[in-house]
PDB file of N, CA and C in Angstrom:
ATOM      1  N   MET A   1     -33.406  17.103  23.606  1.00  0.00           N
ATOM      2  CA  MET A   1     -32.540  18.181  23.167  1.00  0.00           C
ATOM      3  C   MET A   1     -31.118  17.657  22.914  1.00  0.00           C
ATOM      4  N   LYS A   2     -30.646  16.743  23.797  1.00  0.00           N
ATOM      5  CA  LYS A   2     -29.299  16.196  23.628  1.00  0.00           C
ATOM      6  C   LYS A   2     -29.215  15.354  22.359  1.00  0.00           C
ATOM      7  N   LYS A   3     -30.279  14.605  22.081  1.00  0.00           N
ATOM      8  CA  LYS A   3     -30.286  13.792  20.868  1.00  0.00           C
ATOM      9  C   LYS A   3     -30.252  14.666  19.619  1.00  0.00           C
ATOM     10  N   PHE A   4     -30.975  15.785  19.664  1.00  0.00           N
ATOM     11  CA  PHE A   4     -31.005  16.704  18.531  1.00  0.00           C
ATOM     12  C   PHE A   4     -29.624  17.305  18.275  1.00  0.00           C
ATOM     13  N   LEU A   5     -28.949  17.739  19.347  1.00  0.00           N
ATOM     14  CA  LEU A   5     -27.608  18.302  19.199  1.00  0.00           C
ATOM     15  C   LEU A   5     -26.614  17.233  18.732  1.00  0.00           C
ATOM     16  N   GLY A   6     -26.797  16.013  19.206  1.00  0.00           N
ATOM     17  CA  GLY A   6     -25.937  14.916  18.771  1.00  0.00           C
ATOM     18  C   GLY A   6     -26.114  14.615  17.299  1.00  0.00           C
ATOM     19  N   MET A   7     -27.359  14.632  16.831  1.00  0.00           N
ATOM     20  CA  MET A   7     -27.631  14.392  15.418  1.00  0.00           C
ATOM     21  C   MET A   7     -27.042  15.498  14.552  1.00  0.00           C
ATOM     22  N   ILE A   8     -27.113  16.731  15.018  1.00  0.00           N
ATOM     23  CA  ILE A   8     -26.534  17.851  14.271  1.00  0.00           C
ATOM     24  C   ILE A   8     -25.013  17.700  14.200  1.00  0.00           C
ATOM     25  N   ALA A   9     -24.388  17.282  15.297  1.00  0.00           N
ATOM     26  CA  ALA A   9     -22.936  17.097  15.307  1.00  0.00           C
ATOM     27  C   ALA A   9     -22.525  15.988  14.352  1.00  0.00           C
ATOM     28  N   VAL A  10     -23.254  14.885  14.349  1.00  0.00           N
ATOM     29  CA  VAL A  10     -22.943  13.781  13.435  1.00  0.00           C
ATOM     30  C   VAL A  10     -23.133  14.223  11.996  1.00  0.00           C
ATOM     31  N   LEU A  11     -24.183  14.942  11.719  1.00  0.00           N
ATOM     32  CA  LEU A  11     -24.438  15.436  10.373  1.00  0.00           C
ATOM     33  C   LEU A  11     -23.337  16.395   9.920  1.00  0.00           C
ATOM     34  N   ALA A  12     -22.859  17.231  10.821  1.00  0.00           N
ATOM     35  CA  ALA A  12     -21.774  18.168  10.484  1.00  0.00           C
ATOM     36  C   ALA A  12     -20.497  17.400  10.141  1.00  0.00           C
ATOM     37  N   PHE A  13     -20.159  16.340  10.900  1.00  0.00           N
ATOM     38  CA  PHE A  13     -18.971  15.549  10.601  1.00  0.00           C
ATOM     39  C   PHE A  13     -19.101  14.839   9.260  1.00  0.00           C
ATOM     40  N   VAL A  14     -20.281  14.349   8.955  1.00  0.00           N
ATOM     41  CA  VAL A  14     -20.494  13.660   7.670  1.00  0.00           C
ATOM     42  C   VAL A  14     -20.341  14.643   6.517  1.00  0.00           C
ATOM     43  N   ILE A  15     -20.886  15.825   6.677  1.00  0.00           N
ATOM     44  CA  ILE A  15     -20.791  16.833   5.613  1.00  0.00           C
ATOM     45  C   ILE A  15     -19.343  17.261   5.412  1.00  0.00           C
ATOM     46  N   MET A  16     -18.573  17.394   6.488  1.00  0.00           N
ATOM     47  CA  MET A  16     -17.165  17.771   6.369  1.00  0.00           C
ATOM     48  C   MET A  16     -16.349  16.657   5.731  1.00  0.00           C
ATOM     49  N   ALA A  17     -16.732  15.404   5.913  1.00  0.00           N
ATOM     50  CA  ALA A  17     -15.971  14.281   5.380  1.00  0.00           C
ATOM     51  C   ALA A  17     -16.256  14.034   3.906  1.00  0.00           C
ATOM     52  N   LEU A  18     -17.341  14.532   3.377  1.00  0.00           N
ATOM     53  CA  LEU A  18     -17.695  14.296   1.977  1.00  0.00           C
ATOM     54  C   LEU A  18     -16.654  14.823   0.990  1.00  0.00           C
ATOM     55  N   PRO A  19     -16.160  16.056   1.111  1.00  0.00           N
ATOM     56  CA  PRO A  19     -15.158  16.519   0.147  1.00  0.00           C
ATOM     57  C   PRO A  19     -13.859  15.717   0.207  1.00  0.00           C
ATOM     58  N   VAL A  20     -13.515  15.190   1.360  1.00  0.00           N
ATOM     59  CA  VAL A  20     -12.297  14.407   1.497  1.00  0.00           C
ATOM     60  C   VAL A  20     -12.434  13.085   0.759  1.00  0.00           C
ATOM     61  N   SER A  21     -13.588  12.450   0.852  1.00  0.00           N
ATOM     62  CA  SER A  21     -13.769  11.159   0.207  1.00  0.00           C
ATOM     63  C   SER A  21     -14.006  11.283  -1.287  1.00  0.00           C
ATOM     64  N   ALA A  22     -14.333  12.466  -1.797  1.00  0.00           N
ATOM     65  CA  ALA A  22     -14.626  12.640  -3.210  1.00  0.00           C
ATOM     66  C   ALA A  22     -13.451  13.270  -3.954  1.00  0.00           C
ATOM     67  N   GLN A  23     -12.214  12.972  -3.546  1.00  0.00           N
ATOM     68  CA  GLN A  23     -11.045  13.548  -4.197  1.00  0.00           C
ATOM     69  C   GLN A  23     -10.869  12.955  -5.581  1.00  0.00           C
ATOM     70  N   ASP A  24     -10.284  13.741  -6.468  1.00  0.00           N
ATOM     71  CA  ASP A  24     -10.020  13.284  -7.829  1.00  0.00           C
ATOM     72  C   ASP A  24      -8.646  12.621  -7.846  1.00  0.00           C
ATOM     73  N   TYR A  25      -8.587  11.362  -8.252  1.00  0.00           N
ATOM     74  CA  TYR A  25      -7.340  10.611  -8.267  1.00  0.00           C
ATOM     75  C   TYR A  25      -6.748  10.556  -9.676  1.00  0.00           C
ATOM     76  N   ALA A  26      -6.938  11.585 -10.483  1.00  0.00           N
ATOM     77  CA  ALA A  26      -6.437  11.621 -11.844  1.00  0.00           C
ATOM     78  C   ALA A  26      -4.935  11.903 -11.883  1.00  0.00           C
ATOM     79  N   ASP A  27      -4.347  12.383 -10.820  1.00  0.00           N
ATOM     80  CA  ASP A  27      -2.933  12.725 -10.780  1.00  0.00           C
ATOM     81  C   ASP A  27      -2.072  11.561 -10.303  1.00  0.00           C
ATOM     82  N   THR A  28      -2.472  10.343 -10.597  1.00  0.00           N
ATOM     83  CA  THR A  28      -1.686   9.185 -10.185  1.00  0.00           C
ATOM     84  C   THR A  28      -0.604   8.902 -11.216  1.00  0.00           C
ATOM     85  N   THR A  29       0.474   8.274 -10.763  1.00  0.00           N
ATOM     86  CA  THR A  29       1.584   7.911 -11.640  1.00  0.00           C
ATOM     87  C   THR A  29       1.592   6.408 -11.815  1.00  0.00           C
ATOM     88  N   GLU A  30       1.763   5.971 -13.033  1.00  0.00           N
ATOM     89  CA  GLU A  30       1.760   4.541 -13.322  1.00  0.00           C
ATOM     90  C   GLU A  30       3.106   4.162 -13.917  1.00  0.00           C
ATOM     91  N   TYR A  31       3.717   3.110 -13.367  1.00  0.00           N
ATOM     92  CA  TYR A  31       4.992   2.600 -13.855  1.00  0.00           C
ATOM     93  C   TYR A  31       4.751   1.250 -14.534  1.00  0.00           C
ATOM     94  N   SER A  32       5.362   1.043 -15.688  1.00  0.00           N
ATOM     95  CA  SER A  32       5.207  -0.202 -16.415  1.00  0.00           C
ATOM     96  C   SER A  32       6.568  -0.895 -16.509  1.00  0.00           C
ATOM     97  N   PHE A  33       6.652  -2.127 -16.004  1.00  0.00           N
ATOM     98  CA  PHE A  33       7.891  -2.902 -16.030  1.00  0.00           C
ATOM     99  C   PHE A  33       7.738  -4.150 -16.897  1.00  0.00           C
ATOM    100  N   GLU A  34       6.936  -4.089 -17.909  1.00  0.00           N
ATOM    101  CA  GLU A  34       6.651  -5.266 -18.718  1.00  0.00           C
ATOM    102  C   GLU A  34       7.862  -5.765 -19.480  1.00  0.00           C
ATOM    103  N   ASP A  35       8.687  -4.887 -20.054  1.00  0.00           N
ATOM    104  CA  ASP A  35       9.800  -5.300 -20.886  1.00  0.00           C
ATOM    105  C   ASP A  35      11.108  -5.453 -20.120  1.00  0.00           C
ATOM    106  N   ASP A  36      11.138  -5.118 -18.847  1.00  0.00           N
ATOM    107  CA  ASP A  36      12.369  -5.200 -18.069  1.00  0.00           C
ATOM    108  C   ASP A  36      12.510  -6.588 -17.457  1.00  0.00           C
ATOM    109  N   VAL A  37      13.722  -7.150 -17.555  1.00  0.00           N
ATOM    110  CA  VAL A  37      14.014  -8.443 -16.952  1.00  0.00           C
ATOM    111  C   VAL A  37      14.839  -8.189 -15.698  1.00  0.00           C
ATOM    112  N   VAL A  38      14.376  -8.691 -14.602  1.00  0.00           N
ATOM    113  CA  VAL A  38      15.074  -8.514 -13.333  1.00  0.00           C
ATOM    114  C   VAL A  38      15.681  -9.854 -12.941  1.00  0.00           C
ATOM    115  N   THR A  39      17.005  -9.883 -12.803  1.00  0.00           N
ATOM    116  CA  THR A  39      17.694 -11.102 -12.393  1.00  0.00           C
ATOM    117  C   THR A  39      18.544 -10.782 -11.171  1.00  0.00           C
ATOM    118  N   GLY A  40      18.809 -11.794 -10.387  1.00  0.00           N
ATOM    119  CA  GLY A  40      19.630 -11.576  -9.209  1.00  0.00           C
ATOM    120  C   GLY A  40      19.854 -12.869  -8.472  1.00  0.00           C
ATOM    121  N   ASP A  41      20.750 -12.823  -7.512  1.00  0.00           N
ATOM    122  CA  ASP A  41      21.069 -13.970  -6.675  1.00  0.00           C
ATOM    123  C   ASP A  41      20.750 -13.633  -5.231  1.00  0.00           C
ATOM    124  N   LEU A  42      20.617 -14.677  -4.457  1.00  0.00           N
ATOM    125  CA  LEU A  42      20.403 -14.509  -3.034  1.00  0.00           C
ATOM    126  C   LEU A  42      21.733 -14.130  -2.393  1.00  0.00           C
ATOM    127  N   VAL A  43      21.759 -13.019  -1.710  1.00  0.00           N
ATOM    128  CA  VAL A  43      22.995 -12.525  -1.104  1.00  0.00           C
ATOM    129  C   VAL A  43      22.928 -12.767   0.391  1.00  0.00           C
ATOM    130  N   ARG A  44      23.922 -13.494   0.900  1.00  0.00           N
ATOM    131  CA  ARG A  44      24.021 -13.764   2.331  1.00  0.00           C
ATOM    132  C   ARG A  44      25.427 -13.407   2.805  1.00  0.00           C
ATOM    133  N   PRO A  45      25.568 -13.077   4.052  1.00  0.00           N
ATOM    134  CA  PRO A  45      26.912 -12.792   4.552  1.00  0.00           C
ATOM    135  C   PRO A  45      27.740 -14.074   4.632  1.00  0.00           C
ATOM    136  N   ASP A  46      29.037 -13.942   4.395  1.00  0.00           N
ATOM    137  CA  ASP A  46      29.936 -15.086   4.497  1.00  0.00           C
ATOM    138  C   ASP A  46      30.288 -15.326   5.957  1.00  0.00           C
ATOM    139  N   GLY A  47      30.533 -16.571   6.300  1.00  0.00           N
ATOM    140  CA  GLY A  47      30.963 -16.876   7.653  1.00  0.00           C
ATOM    141  C   GLY A  47      30.004 -17.807   8.363  1.00  0.00           C
ATOM    142  N   GLU A  48      30.326 -18.051   9.610  1.00  0.00           N
ATOM    143  CA  GLU A  48      29.548 -18.969  10.438  1.00  0.00           C
ATOM    144  C   GLU A  48      28.410 -18.242  11.131  1.00  0.00           C
ATOM    145  N   LEU A  49      27.394 -19.002  11.450  1.00  0.00           N
ATOM    146  CA  LEU A  49      26.281 -18.490  12.223  1.00  0.00           C
ATOM    147  C   LEU A  49      26.654 -18.550  13.694  1.00  0.00           C
ATOM    148  N   THR A  50      26.562 -17.434  14.373  1.00  0.00           N
ATOM    149  CA  THR A  50      26.938 -17.367  15.785  1.00  0.00           C
ATOM    150  C   THR A  50      25.698 -17.550  16.642  1.00  0.00           C
ATOM    151  N   VAL A  51      25.781 -18.476  17.586  1.00  0.00           N
ATOM    152  CA  VAL A  51      24.681 -18.732  18.505  1.00  0.00           C
ATOM    153  C   VAL A  51      25.078 -18.179  19.869  1.00  0.00           C
ATOM    154  N   VAL A  52      24.203 -17.382  20.449  1.00  0.00           N
ATOM    155  CA  VAL A  52      24.487 -16.756  21.738  1.00  0.00           C
ATOM    156  C   VAL A  52      23.513 -17.305  22.760  1.00  0.00           C
ATOM    157  N   ARG A  53      24.059 -17.662  23.914  1.00  0.00           N
ATOM    158  CA  ARG A  53      23.193 -18.150  24.991  1.00  0.00           C
ATOM    159  C   ARG A  53      22.358 -17.023  25.564  1.00  0.00           C
ATOM    160  N   LYS A  54      21.156 -17.360  25.994  1.00  0.00           N
ATOM    161  CA  LYS A  54      20.311 -16.381  26.658  1.00  0.00           C
ATOM    162  C   LYS A  54      20.831 -16.160  28.070  1.00  0.00           C
ATOM    163  N   ARG A  55      20.617 -14.957  28.548  1.00  0.00           N
ATOM    164  CA  ARG A  55      21.049 -14.643  29.906  1.00  0.00           C
ATOM    165  C   ARG A  55      20.188 -15.388  30.911  1.00  0.00           C
ATOM    166  N   GLY A  56      20.820 -15.897  31.920  1.00  0.00           N
ATOM    167  CA  GLY A  56      20.086 -16.587  32.967  1.00  0.00           C
ATOM    168  C   GLY A  56      19.415 -15.604  33.897  1.00  0.00           C
ATOM    169  N   LYS A  57      18.555 -16.130  34.737  1.00  0.00           N
ATOM    170  CA  LYS A  57      17.887 -15.260  35.701  1.00  0.00           C
ATOM    171  C   LYS A  57      18.877 -14.941  36.811  1.00  0.00           C
ATOM    172  N   GLU A  58      19.164 -13.678  36.931  1.00  0.00           N
ATOM    173  CA  GLU A  58      20.094 -13.226  37.957  1.00  0.00           C
ATOM    174  C   GLU A  58      19.347 -12.361  38.950  1.00  0.00           C
ATOM    175  N   ARG A  59      19.874 -12.344  40.120  1.00  0.00           N
ATOM    176  CA  ARG A  59      19.293 -11.516  41.155  1.00  0.00           C
ATOM    177  C   ARG A  59      19.694 -10.062  40.917  1.00  0.00           C
ATOM    178  N   SER A  60      18.771  -9.148  41.104  1.00  0.00           N
ATOM    179  CA  SER A  60      19.050  -7.737  40.898  1.00  0.00           C
ATOM    180  C   SER A  60      19.987  -7.227  41.985  1.00  0.00           C
ATOM    181  N   LEU A  61      20.928  -6.383  41.599  1.00  0.00           N
ATOM    182  CA  LEU A  61      21.842  -5.786  42.567  1.00  0.00           C
ATOM    183  C   LEU A  61      21.273  -4.518  43.186  1.00  0.00           C
ATOM    184  N   ILE A  62      20.134  -4.069  42.724  1.00  0.00           N
ATOM    185  CA  ILE A  62      19.498  -2.868  43.263  1.00  0.00           C
ATOM    186  C   ILE A  62      18.621  -3.273  44.437  1.00  0.00           C
ATOM    187  N   ARG A  63      18.861  -2.673  45.538  1.00  0.00           N
ATOM    188  CA  ARG A  63      18.074  -2.943  46.747  1.00  0.00           C
ATOM    189  C   ARG A  63      17.214  -1.724  47.071  1.00  0.00           C
ATOM    190  N   VAL A  64      15.958  -1.945  47.378  1.00  0.00           N
ATOM    191  CA  VAL A  64      15.051  -0.869  47.732  1.00  0.00           C
ATOM    192  C   VAL A  64      15.301  -0.505  49.189  1.00  0.00           C
ATOM    193  N   ARG A  65      15.546   0.780  49.409  1.00  0.00           N
ATOM    194  CA  ARG A  65      15.795   1.236  50.776  1.00  0.00           C
ATOM    195  C   ARG A  65      14.462   1.405  51.492  1.00  0.00           C
ATOM    196  N   GLN A  66      14.313   0.753  52.615  1.00  0.00           N
ATOM    197  CA  GLN A  66      13.045   0.762  53.349  1.00  0.00           C
ATOM    198  C   GLN A  66      12.804   2.084  54.083  1.00  0.00           C
ATOM    199  N   HIS A  67      13.865   2.758  54.489  1.00  0.00           N
ATOM    200  CA  HIS A  67      13.710   3.966  55.306  1.00  0.00           C
ATOM    201  C   HIS A  67      14.126   5.216  54.541  1.00  0.00           C
ATOM    202  N   PHE A  68      13.898   5.255  53.247  1.00  0.00           N
ATOM    203  CA  PHE A  68      14.353   6.373  52.428  1.00  0.00           C
ATOM    204  C   PHE A  68      13.623   7.667  52.774  1.00  0.00           C
ATOM    205  N   ILE A  69      12.305   7.636  52.871  1.00  0.00           N
ATOM    206  CA  ILE A  69      11.525   8.855  53.125  1.00  0.00           C
ATOM    207  C   ILE A  69      11.828   9.434  54.504  1.00  0.00           C
ATOM    208  N   PRO A  70      11.852   8.634  55.569  1.00  0.00           N
ATOM    209  CA  PRO A  70      12.216   9.232  56.862  1.00  0.00           C
ATOM    210  C   PRO A  70      13.623   9.827  56.864  1.00  0.00           C
ATOM    211  N   GLU A  71      14.569   9.209  56.182  1.00  0.00           N
ATOM    212  CA  GLU A  71      15.919   9.767  56.114  1.00  0.00           C
ATOM    213  C   GLU A  71      15.928  11.096  55.370  1.00  0.00           C
ATOM    214  N   MET A  72      15.133  11.213  54.314  1.00  0.00           N
ATOM    215  CA  MET A  72      15.048  12.472  53.584  1.00  0.00           C
ATOM    216  C   MET A  72      14.433  13.566  54.455  1.00  0.00           C
ATOM    217  N   LEU A  73      13.407  13.231  55.235  1.00  0.00           N
ATOM    218  CA  LEU A  73      12.789  14.219  56.117  1.00  0.00           C
ATOM    219  C   LEU A  73      13.758  14.664  57.200  1.00  0.00           C
ATOM    220  N   LYS A  74      14.571  13.758  57.713  1.00  0.00           N
ATOM    221  CA  LYS A  74      15.578  14.127  58.718  1.00  0.00           C
ATOM    222  C   LYS A  74      16.609  15.084  58.132  1.00  0.00           C
ATOM    223  N   SER A  75      17.026  14.871  56.888  1.00  0.00           N
ATOM    224  CA  SER A  75      18.029  15.737  56.288  1.00  0.00           C
ATOM    225  C   SER A  75      17.484  17.138  56.038  1.00  0.00           C
ATOM    226  N   VAL A  76      16.177  17.294  55.838  1.00  0.00           N
ATOM    227  CA  VAL A  76      15.581  18.604  55.591  1.00  0.00           C
ATOM    228  C   VAL A  76      15.394  19.358  56.895  1.00  0.00           C
ATOM    229  N   GLU A  77      15.217  18.662  57.989  1.00  0.00           N
ATOM    230  CA  GLU A  77      14.965  19.320  59.274  1.00  0.00           C
ATOM    231  C   GLU A  77      16.144  20.173  59.704  1.00  0.00           C
ATOM    232  N   ASN A  78      17.342  19.841  59.313  1.00  0.00           N
ATOM    233  CA  ASN A  78      18.522  20.574  59.754  1.00  0.00           C
ATOM    234  C   ASN A  78      18.776  21.843  58.955  1.00  0.00           C
ATOM    235  N   LEU A  79      18.014  22.090  57.909  1.00  0.00           N
ATOM    236  CA  LEU A  79      18.229  23.286  57.098  1.00  0.00           C
ATOM    237  C   LEU A  79      17.683  24.495  57.737  1.00  0.00           C
TER     238      LEU A  79
END
């Protein structure tokens, strides 16, 4: 029974996909550049190339608090 329902589901998806794949592509636009001459130069920024050093491995300044949860529970007890 599961195989039959699976086959029906696959068949339904295939049938739904058929109109999408059979679209008419007659409304395409075509551009012709046969007679146009394109000229240009390579444009680069003026000046020196700047080289930047990579950051070294630094120790993080953020420290994980080991007793954070017990401190939070203590602060709630006084409310």
